[in-house]
Amino acid sequence: MHLDFHDRTVLVTGASAGIGRVIADRFAGEGAHVYGFDVVPPADAVGWAGSAVCDVTDESAVAREVAAIEKEHGAVDVLINNAGVNVVGPVDELTAAQWRRCLDVNVVGVAVMCAAAIPGMKRAGAGSILNAASFAAINPPVGAAAYAASKAAVVQMTRVIAGELGPWGITVNAYAPGMVPTAMNGFADMPDATKNELLDTLTLRRWESPDDVADLLCFLASDRARYITGTLVDVSGGKLATQIPRRAYDWRESRE
């Protein structure tokens, strides 16, 4: 399947590192004009059309930077709202400031980015918006009330925006990554016993790579997905598929 992104403008938030960096590099490799927003500048963004140090919660900064992209390449064709933060802890120990930070970046930041990019997409009569949710939006872990609430909000917001933008042929979808070892979640630094417990919750028992996410987003942003909108796509390795998926691995081992 050939996915052609030549002459398409793709804007990725949280693009300087982690999953966002891989997503940005992938679209650049597919021929897109890639722009990355982050609160820290990217290192060696080879092949990108440009980048900006930009906080997604800053309306004026976002509007200014999106306008600059539109002046250079026209409307943003694909907006990927990847930027996010995590807050961990029991509800009775979380501060109001922690709640606000999590919701501001993960929810308000998505809304601010959409508000800046949508007018151009409407004028073009096309576009794709992809919002980072999480499996925590469906099956939240203990200690993740703020994060899970923010990602559940993203899922519902995605559905509403999809409904609002259907008349212009703009698709809007959310995606739910699973366990990708990043600096934000610290999976790679956990003890081996804890790692094994986490892997036992997956139908495909391996850590997810950022490339697994990028593969999905390239499809969802392409014309091949032109009739998919308003949905949440699970890309978690089957974390939500069955209870106790480890049992199947035990069965296989006992029969070999």
C-alpha atoms as a PDB file:
ATOM      1  CA  MET A   1       0.000   0.000   0.000  1.00  0.00           C
ATOM      2  CA  HIS A   2       1.532   3.289  -1.135  1.00  0.00           C
ATOM      3  CA  LEU A   3       0.796   6.272   1.088  1.00  0.00           C
ATOM      4  CA  ASP A   4       1.730   9.510  -0.639  1.00  0.00           C
ATOM      5  CA  PHE A   5       2.404  12.558   1.561  1.00  0.00           C
ATOM      6  CA  HIS A   6       4.354  14.626  -0.939  1.00  0.00           C
ATOM      7  CA  ASP A   7       3.321  18.286  -0.785  1.00  0.00           C
ATOM      8  CA  ARG A   8       1.269  17.580   2.373  1.00  0.00           C
ATOM      9  CA  THR A   9       1.914  19.752   5.411  1.00  0.00           C
ATOM     10  CA  VAL A  10       2.043  17.825   8.690  1.00  0.00           C
ATOM     11  CA  LEU A  11       2.206  19.510  12.100  1.00  0.00           C
ATOM     12  CA  VAL A  12       3.232  17.403  15.101  1.00  0.00           C
ATOM     13  CA  THR A  13       3.170  18.628  18.703  1.00  0.00           C
ATOM     14  CA  GLY A  14       5.530  17.260  21.323  1.00  0.00           C
ATOM     15  CA  ALA A  15       7.851  16.509  18.417  1.00  0.00           C
ATOM     16  CA  SER A  16      11.290  16.958  19.935  1.00  0.00           C
ATOM     17  CA  ALA A  17      11.626  13.531  21.532  1.00  0.00           C
ATOM     18  CA  GLY A  18       9.961  10.187  22.187  1.00  0.00           C
ATOM     19  CA  ILE A  19       6.968   9.088  20.149  1.00  0.00           C
ATOM     20  CA  GLY A  20       6.460  12.563  18.696  1.00  0.00           C
ATOM     21  CA  ARG A  21       9.977  12.664  17.250  1.00  0.00           C
ATOM     22  CA  VAL A  22       9.534   9.308  15.550  1.00  0.00           C
ATOM     23  CA  ILE A  23       6.151  10.386  14.150  1.00  0.00           C
ATOM     24  CA  ALA A  24       7.624  13.607  12.754  1.00  0.00           C
ATOM     25  CA  ASP A  25      10.610  11.823  11.230  1.00  0.00           C
ATOM     26  CA  ARG A  26       8.358   9.172   9.685  1.00  0.00           C
ATOM     27  CA  PHE A  27       6.150  11.707   7.909  1.00  0.00           C
ATOM     28  CA  ALA A  28       9.238  13.605   6.741  1.00  0.00           C
ATOM     29  CA  GLY A  29      10.549  10.341   5.318  1.00  0.00           C
ATOM     30  CA  GLU A  30       7.246   9.910   3.494  1.00  0.00           C
ATOM     31  CA  GLY A  31       7.786  13.239   1.738  1.00  0.00           C
ATOM     32  CA  ALA A  32       5.642  15.565   3.870  1.00  0.00           C
ATOM     33  CA  HIS A  33       6.483  19.122   4.844  1.00  0.00           C
ATOM     34  CA  VAL A  34       6.850  18.459   8.582  1.00  0.00           C
ATOM     35  CA  TYR A  35       6.702  21.082  11.294  1.00  0.00           C
ATOM     36  CA  GLY A  36       7.255  20.265  14.953  1.00  0.00           C
ATOM     37  CA  PHE A  37       6.081  22.168  18.012  1.00  0.00           C
ATOM     38  CA  ASP A  38       7.551  21.534  21.469  1.00  0.00           C
ATOM     39  CA  VAL A  39       8.601  23.410  24.578  1.00  0.00           C
ATOM     40  CA  VAL A  40      12.222  22.437  23.826  1.00  0.00           C
ATOM     41  CA  PRO A  41      13.903  22.679  20.411  1.00  0.00           C
ATOM     42  CA  PRO A  42      14.534  19.417  18.515  1.00  0.00           C
ATOM     43  CA  ALA A  43      18.086  18.289  17.816  1.00  0.00           C
ATOM     44  CA  ASP A  44      19.069  17.639  14.198  1.00  0.00           C
ATOM     45  CA  ALA A  45      15.572  17.702  12.716  1.00  0.00           C
ATOM     46  CA  VAL A  46      16.868  16.565   9.335  1.00  0.00           C
ATOM     47  CA  GLY A  47      14.244  16.620   6.634  1.00  0.00           C
ATOM     48  CA  TRP A  48      11.760  18.769   8.547  1.00  0.00           C
ATOM     49  CA  ALA A  49      10.384  21.929   6.985  1.00  0.00           C
ATOM     50  CA  GLY A  50      10.673  23.718  10.313  1.00  0.00           C
ATOM     51  CA  SER A  51      10.091  23.721  14.061  1.00  0.00           C
ATOM     52  CA  ALA A  52       9.074  26.136  16.774  1.00  0.00           C
ATOM     53  CA  VAL A  53       9.474  26.333  20.526  1.00  0.00           C
ATOM     54  CA  CYS A  54       5.799  26.610  21.337  1.00  0.00           C
ATOM     55  CA  ASP A  55       3.633  25.722  24.336  1.00  0.00           C
ATOM     56  CA  VAL A  56       0.383  24.217  23.051  1.00  0.00           C
ATOM     57  CA  THR A  57      -1.556  25.964  25.822  1.00  0.00           C
ATOM     58  CA  ASP A  58      -0.415  29.423  24.650  1.00  0.00           C
ATOM     59  CA  GLU A  59      -3.177  30.567  22.272  1.00  0.00           C
ATOM     60  CA  SER A  60      -1.347  33.562  20.850  1.00  0.00           C
ATOM     61  CA  ALA A  61       1.886  31.660  20.250  1.00  0.00           C
ATOM     62  CA  VAL A  62       0.074  28.747  18.618  1.00  0.00           C
ATOM     63  CA  ALA A  63      -1.964  31.068  16.375  1.00  0.00           C
ATOM     64  CA  ARG A  64       1.193  32.932  15.342  1.00  0.00           C
ATOM     65  CA  GLU A  65       3.162  29.796  14.508  1.00  0.00           C
ATOM     66  CA  VAL A  66       0.303  28.125  12.616  1.00  0.00           C
ATOM     67  CA  ALA A  67      -0.180  31.324  10.592  1.00  0.00           C
ATOM     68  CA  ALA A  68       3.524  31.244   9.686  1.00  0.00           C
ATOM     69  CA  ILE A  69       3.184  27.652   8.453  1.00  0.00           C
ATOM     70  CA  GLU A  70       0.132  28.538   6.397  1.00  0.00           C
ATOM     71  CA  LYS A  71       1.976  31.473   4.826  1.00  0.00           C
ATOM     72  CA  GLU A  72       4.764  29.115   3.764  1.00  0.00           C
ATOM     73  CA  HIS A  73       2.841  26.016   2.667  1.00  0.00           C
ATOM     74  CA  GLY A  74      -0.875  26.748   2.881  1.00  0.00           C
ATOM     75  CA  ALA A  75      -3.283  25.020   5.232  1.00  0.00           C
ATOM     76  CA  VAL A  76      -2.066  22.324   7.593  1.00  0.00           C
ATOM     77  CA  ASP A  77      -3.143  19.058   5.981  1.00  0.00           C
ATOM     78  CA  VAL A  78      -2.475  16.823   8.996  1.00  0.00           C
ATOM     79  CA  LEU A  79      -2.460  17.933  12.636  1.00  0.00           C
ATOM     80  CA  ILE A  80      -1.117  15.396  15.119  1.00  0.00           C
ATOM     81  CA  ASN A  81      -1.757  16.371  18.732  1.00  0.00           C
ATOM     82  CA  ASN A  82       0.886  14.211  20.364  1.00  0.00           C
ATOM     83  CA  ALA A  83       2.057  16.529  23.161  1.00  0.00           C
ATOM     84  CA  GLY A  84       1.136  15.362  26.636  1.00  0.00           C
ATOM     85  CA  VAL A  85       2.168  15.154  30.270  1.00  0.00           C
ATOM     86  CA  ASN A  86       1.596  12.571  32.965  1.00  0.00           C
ATOM     87  CA  VAL A  87       0.625  13.020  36.596  1.00  0.00           C
ATOM     88  CA  VAL A  88       0.775  10.029  38.935  1.00  0.00           C
ATOM     89  CA  GLY A  89      -0.499   9.671  42.483  1.00  0.00           C
ATOM     90  CA  PRO A  90      -3.563   8.968  44.631  1.00  0.00           C
ATOM     91  CA  VAL A  91      -6.339  11.505  44.256  1.00  0.00           C
ATOM     92  CA  ASP A  92      -6.020  12.646  47.866  1.00  0.00           C
ATOM     93  CA  GLU A  93      -2.335  13.490  47.265  1.00  0.00           C
ATOM     94  CA  LEU A  94      -2.670  15.342  43.947  1.00  0.00           C
ATOM     95  CA  THR A  95      -2.650  19.121  44.104  1.00  0.00           C
ATOM     96  CA  ALA A  96      -4.939  21.399  42.142  1.00  0.00           C
ATOM     97  CA  ALA A  97      -1.873  22.643  40.270  1.00  0.00           C
ATOM     98  CA  GLN A  98      -1.063  19.093  39.147  1.00  0.00           C
ATOM     99  CA  TRP A  99      -4.618  18.573  37.929  1.00  0.00           C
ATOM    100  CA  ARG A 100      -4.582  21.869  36.041  1.00  0.00           C
ATOM    101  CA  ARG A 101      -1.237  21.150  34.376  1.00  0.00           C
ATOM    102  CA  CYS A 102      -2.377  17.707  33.194  1.00  0.00           C
ATOM    103  CA  LEU A 103      -5.711  18.951  31.869  1.00  0.00           C
ATOM    104  CA  ASP A 104      -4.217  22.122  30.388  1.00  0.00           C
ATOM    105  CA  VAL A 105      -1.667  20.284  28.247  1.00  0.00           C
ATOM    106  CA  ASN A 106      -3.578  17.106  27.446  1.00  0.00           C
ATOM    107  CA  VAL A 107      -7.016  18.633  26.839  1.00  0.00           C
ATOM    108  CA  VAL A 108      -6.852  22.410  26.467  1.00  0.00           C
ATOM    109  CA  GLY A 109      -3.679  22.100  24.381  1.00  0.00           C
ATOM    110  CA  VAL A 110      -5.480  19.850  21.906  1.00  0.00           C
ATOM    111  CA  ALA A 111      -8.374  22.309  21.685  1.00  0.00           C
ATOM    112  CA  VAL A 112      -6.030  25.267  21.157  1.00  0.00           C
ATOM    113  CA  MET A 113      -4.160  23.485  18.371  1.00  0.00           C
ATOM    114  CA  CYS A 114      -7.385  22.438  16.669  1.00  0.00           C
ATOM    115  CA  ALA A 115      -8.803  25.950  16.867  1.00  0.00           C
ATOM    116  CA  ALA A 116      -5.712  27.314  15.135  1.00  0.00           C
ATOM    117  CA  ALA A 117      -5.557  24.726  12.348  1.00  0.00           C
ATOM    118  CA  ILE A 118      -9.254  24.164  11.587  1.00  0.00           C
ATOM    119  CA  PRO A 119      -9.993  27.444   9.739  1.00  0.00           C
ATOM    120  CA  GLY A 120      -7.318  26.645   7.146  1.00  0.00           C
ATOM    121  CA  MET A 121      -8.577  23.104   6.783  1.00  0.00           C
ATOM    122  CA  LYS A 122     -12.104  24.401   6.240  1.00  0.00           C
ATOM    123  CA  ARG A 123     -10.893  26.726   3.493  1.00  0.00           C
ATOM    124  CA  ALA A 124      -9.101  23.792   1.871  1.00  0.00           C
ATOM    125  CA  GLY A 125     -12.111  21.521   2.267  1.00  0.00           C
ATOM    126  CA  ALA A 126      -9.927  18.685   3.572  1.00  0.00           C
ATOM    127  CA  GLY A 127      -7.675  17.664   6.422  1.00  0.00           C
ATOM    128  CA  SER A 128      -6.957  15.113   9.106  1.00  0.00           C
ATOM    129  CA  ILE A 129      -6.650  15.643  12.861  1.00  0.00           C
ATOM    130  CA  LEU A 130      -5.180  12.878  15.011  1.00  0.00           C
ATOM    131  CA  ASN A 131      -5.330  13.178  18.806  1.00  0.00           C
ATOM    132  CA  ALA A 132      -3.256  11.160  21.255  1.00  0.00           C
ATOM    133  CA  ALA A 133      -5.465   9.351  23.750  1.00  0.00           C
ATOM    134  CA  SER A 134      -4.391   6.292  25.751  1.00  0.00           C
ATOM    135  CA  PHE A 135      -5.605   2.880  26.818  1.00  0.00           C
ATOM    136  CA  ALA A 136      -5.953   4.635  30.200  1.00  0.00           C
ATOM    137  CA  ALA A 137      -8.990   6.420  28.749  1.00  0.00           C
ATOM    138  CA  ILE A 138     -10.772   3.051  28.677  1.00  0.00           C
ATOM    139  CA  ASN A 139      -9.110   1.007  31.411  1.00  0.00           C
ATOM    140  CA  PRO A 140      -7.397   3.415  33.817  1.00  0.00           C
ATOM    141  CA  PRO A 141      -4.671   2.217  36.196  1.00  0.00           C
ATOM    142  CA  VAL A 142      -4.724   3.034  39.886  1.00  0.00           C
ATOM    143  CA  GLY A 143      -2.909   6.277  40.558  1.00  0.00           C
ATOM    144  CA  ALA A 144      -3.688   7.808  37.165  1.00  0.00           C
ATOM    145  CA  ALA A 145      -6.903   9.718  37.830  1.00  0.00           C
ATOM    146  CA  ALA A 146      -5.715  12.994  36.303  1.00  0.00           C
ATOM    147  CA  TYR A 147      -4.084  11.396  33.273  1.00  0.00           C
ATOM    148  CA  ALA A 148      -6.971   9.000  32.615  1.00  0.00           C
ATOM    149  CA  ALA A 149      -9.522  11.781  32.958  1.00  0.00           C
ATOM    150  CA  SER A 150      -7.606  13.956  30.505  1.00  0.00           C
ATOM    151  CA  LYS A 151      -7.344  11.199  27.922  1.00  0.00           C
ATOM    152  CA  ALA A 152     -11.018  10.250  28.275  1.00  0.00           C
ATOM    153  CA  ALA A 153     -11.793  13.908  27.586  1.00  0.00           C
ATOM    154  CA  VAL A 154      -9.659  13.763  24.441  1.00  0.00           C
ATOM    155  CA  VAL A 155     -11.689  10.795  23.161  1.00  0.00           C
ATOM    156  CA  GLN A 156     -14.995  12.585  23.636  1.00  0.00           C
ATOM    157  CA  MET A 157     -13.648  15.843  22.232  1.00  0.00           C
ATOM    158  CA  THR A 158     -12.414  13.950  19.169  1.00  0.00           C
ATOM    159  CA  ARG A 159     -15.912  12.620  18.498  1.00  0.00           C
ATOM    160  CA  VAL A 160     -17.481  16.053  18.822  1.00  0.00           C
ATOM    161  CA  ILE A 161     -14.924  17.727  16.557  1.00  0.00           C
ATOM    162  CA  ALA A 162     -15.358  14.961  13.980  1.00  0.00           C
ATOM    163  CA  GLY A 163     -19.076  15.680  13.926  1.00  0.00           C
ATOM    164  CA  GLU A 164     -18.495  19.401  13.564  1.00  0.00           C
ATOM    165  CA  LEU A 165     -16.004  19.050  10.703  1.00  0.00           C
ATOM    166  CA  GLY A 166     -17.699  16.355   8.636  1.00  0.00           C
ATOM    167  CA  PRO A 167     -19.317  18.898   6.282  1.00  0.00           C
ATOM    168  CA  TRP A 168     -15.832  20.040   5.197  1.00  0.00           C
ATOM    169  CA  GLY A 169     -14.515  16.515   4.579  1.00  0.00           C
ATOM    170  CA  ILE A 170     -12.121  16.760   7.529  1.00  0.00           C
ATOM    171  CA  THR A 171     -11.529  13.541   9.463  1.00  0.00           C
ATOM    172  CA  VAL A 172     -10.790  13.533  13.199  1.00  0.00           C
ATOM    173  CA  ASN A 173      -9.651  10.444  15.083  1.00  0.00           C
ATOM    174  CA  ALA A 174      -7.974   9.530  18.355  1.00  0.00           C
ATOM    175  CA  TYR A 175      -5.383   6.831  18.882  1.00  0.00           C
ATOM    176  CA  ALA A 176      -4.564   4.888  22.035  1.00  0.00           C
ATOM    177  CA  PRO A 177      -0.922   3.815  22.342  1.00  0.00           C
ATOM    178  CA  GLY A 178      -0.016   1.173  24.854  1.00  0.00           C
ATOM    179  CA  MET A 179       3.226   0.593  26.705  1.00  0.00           C
ATOM    180  CA  VAL A 180       5.917   2.465  24.835  1.00  0.00           C
ATOM    181  CA  PRO A 181       9.018   2.924  27.019  1.00  0.00           C
ATOM    182  CA  THR A 182       9.563   6.691  27.220  1.00  0.00           C
ATOM    183  CA  ALA A 183      11.048   9.165  29.662  1.00  0.00           C
ATOM    184  CA  MET A 184       7.503  10.093  30.707  1.00  0.00           C
ATOM    185  CA  ASN A 185       6.478   6.615  31.898  1.00  0.00           C
ATOM    186  CA  GLY A 186       9.827   5.155  32.965  1.00  0.00           C
ATOM    187  CA  PHE A 187       9.016   1.617  31.785  1.00  0.00           C
ATOM    188  CA  ALA A 188      12.601   0.941  30.702  1.00  0.00           C
ATOM    189  CA  ASP A 189      13.956   1.706  34.175  1.00  0.00           C
ATOM    190  CA  MET A 190      11.578  -0.572  36.101  1.00  0.00           C
ATOM    191  CA  PRO A 191      12.788  -3.773  37.824  1.00  0.00           C
ATOM    192  CA  ASP A 192      12.598  -6.895  35.656  1.00  0.00           C
ATOM    193  CA  ALA A 193       9.816  -8.378  37.787  1.00  0.00           C
ATOM    194  CA  THR A 194       7.672  -5.277  37.268  1.00  0.00           C
ATOM    195  CA  LYS A 195       8.406  -5.283  33.539  1.00  0.00           C
ATOM    196  CA  ASN A 196       7.275  -8.905  33.293  1.00  0.00           C
ATOM    197  CA  GLU A 197       4.051  -8.152  35.157  1.00  0.00           C
ATOM    198  CA  LEU A 198       3.274  -5.365  32.715  1.00  0.00           C
ATOM    199  CA  LEU A 199       4.136  -7.441  29.652  1.00  0.00           C
ATOM    200  CA  ASP A 200       1.835 -10.181  30.943  1.00  0.00           C
ATOM    201  CA  THR A 201      -1.102  -7.819  30.377  1.00  0.00           C
ATOM    202  CA  LEU A 202      -0.477  -7.676  26.618  1.00  0.00           C
ATOM    203  CA  THR A 203      -1.877  -9.970  23.932  1.00  0.00           C
ATOM    204  CA  LEU A 204       1.257  -9.231  21.867  1.00  0.00           C
ATOM    205  CA  ARG A 205       3.796  -9.666  24.641  1.00  0.00           C
ATOM    206  CA  ARG A 206       6.432  -7.079  23.784  1.00  0.00           C
ATOM    207  CA  TRP A 207       7.037  -3.427  24.422  1.00  0.00           C
ATOM    208  CA  GLU A 208       5.420  -1.170  21.872  1.00  0.00           C
ATOM    209  CA  SER A 209       7.767   0.875  19.712  1.00  0.00           C
ATOM    210  CA  PRO A 210       7.117   4.421  18.504  1.00  0.00           C
ATOM    211  CA  ASP A 211       7.192   2.988  14.983  1.00  0.00           C
ATOM    212  CA  ASP A 212       4.053   0.972  15.789  1.00  0.00           C
ATOM    213  CA  VAL A 213       2.270   4.250  16.488  1.00  0.00           C
ATOM    214  CA  ALA A 214       3.752   6.023  13.469  1.00  0.00           C
ATOM    215  CA  ASP A 215       2.598   3.200  11.168  1.00  0.00           C
ATOM    216  CA  LEU A 216      -0.994   3.691  12.316  1.00  0.00           C
ATOM    217  CA  LEU A 217      -0.898   7.465  12.004  1.00  0.00           C
ATOM    218  CA  CYS A 218       0.465   7.353   8.477  1.00  0.00           C
ATOM    219  CA  PHE A 219      -2.520   5.210   7.518  1.00  0.00           C
ATOM    220  CA  LEU A 220      -5.101   7.331   9.368  1.00  0.00           C
ATOM    221  CA  ALA A 221      -3.714  10.526   7.832  1.00  0.00           C
ATOM    222  CA  SER A 222      -3.747   9.094   4.320  1.00  0.00           C
ATOM    223  CA  ASP A 223      -6.449   9.065   1.673  1.00  0.00           C
ATOM    224  CA  ARG A 224      -6.783   5.318   2.336  1.00  0.00           C
ATOM    225  CA  ALA A 225      -8.516   6.211   5.612  1.00  0.00           C
ATOM    226  CA  ARG A 226     -10.766   8.885   4.124  1.00  0.00           C
ATOM    227  CA  TYR A 227     -13.940   7.210   5.447  1.00  0.00           C
ATOM    228  CA  ILE A 228     -12.723   6.749   9.031  1.00  0.00           C
ATOM    229  CA  THR A 229     -13.627   9.519  11.461  1.00  0.00           C
ATOM    230  CA  GLY A 230     -14.796  10.071  15.018  1.00  0.00           C
ATOM    231  CA  THR A 231     -13.242   6.914  16.360  1.00  0.00           C
ATOM    232  CA  LEU A 232     -10.625   5.759  18.871  1.00  0.00           C
ATOM    233  CA  VAL A 233      -8.111   3.318  17.394  1.00  0.00           C
ATOM    234  CA  ASP A 234      -6.452   0.977  19.887  1.00  0.00           C
ATOM    235  CA  VAL A 235      -2.755   0.476  19.140  1.00  0.00           C
ATOM    236  CA  SER A 236      -1.827  -1.063  22.500  1.00  0.00           C
ATOM    237  CA  GLY A 237      -0.825  -4.580  21.473  1.00  0.00           C
ATOM    238  CA  GLY A 238      -4.142  -6.019  22.597  1.00  0.00           C
ATOM    239  CA  LYS A 239      -3.980  -4.724  26.161  1.00  0.00           C
ATOM    240  CA  LEU A 240      -7.763  -4.403  26.173  1.00  0.00           C
ATOM    241  CA  ALA A 241      -8.541  -7.554  24.198  1.00  0.00           C
ATOM    242  CA  THR A 242      -8.861 -10.255  26.872  1.00  0.00           C
ATOM    243  CA  GLN A 243      -8.376 -10.940  30.545  1.00  0.00           C
ATOM    244  CA  ILE A 244      -5.103 -12.645  31.563  1.00  0.00           C
ATOM    245  CA  PRO A 245      -3.530 -12.891  28.078  1.00  0.00           C
ATOM    246  CA  ARG A 246      -0.464 -14.499  29.680  1.00  0.00           C
ATOM    247  CA  ARG A 247      -2.494 -17.720  29.922  1.00  0.00           C
ATOM    248  CA  ALA A 248      -2.217 -18.245  26.154  1.00  0.00           C
ATOM    249  CA  TYR A 249       1.580 -18.042  26.362  1.00  0.00           C
ATOM    250  CA  ASP A 250       1.587 -20.604  29.165  1.00  0.00           C
ATOM    251  CA  TRP A 251      -0.575 -22.907  27.045  1.00  0.00           C
ATOM    252  CA  ARG A 252       1.772 -22.593  24.118  1.00  0.00           C
ATOM    253  CA  GLU A 253       4.814 -23.345  26.255  1.00  0.00           C
ATOM    254  CA  SER A 254       3.143 -26.414  27.747  1.00  0.00           C
ATOM    255  CA  ARG A 255       2.372 -27.815  24.283  1.00  0.00           C
ATOM    256  CA  GLU A 256       5.774 -27.303  22.691  1.00  0.00           C
END
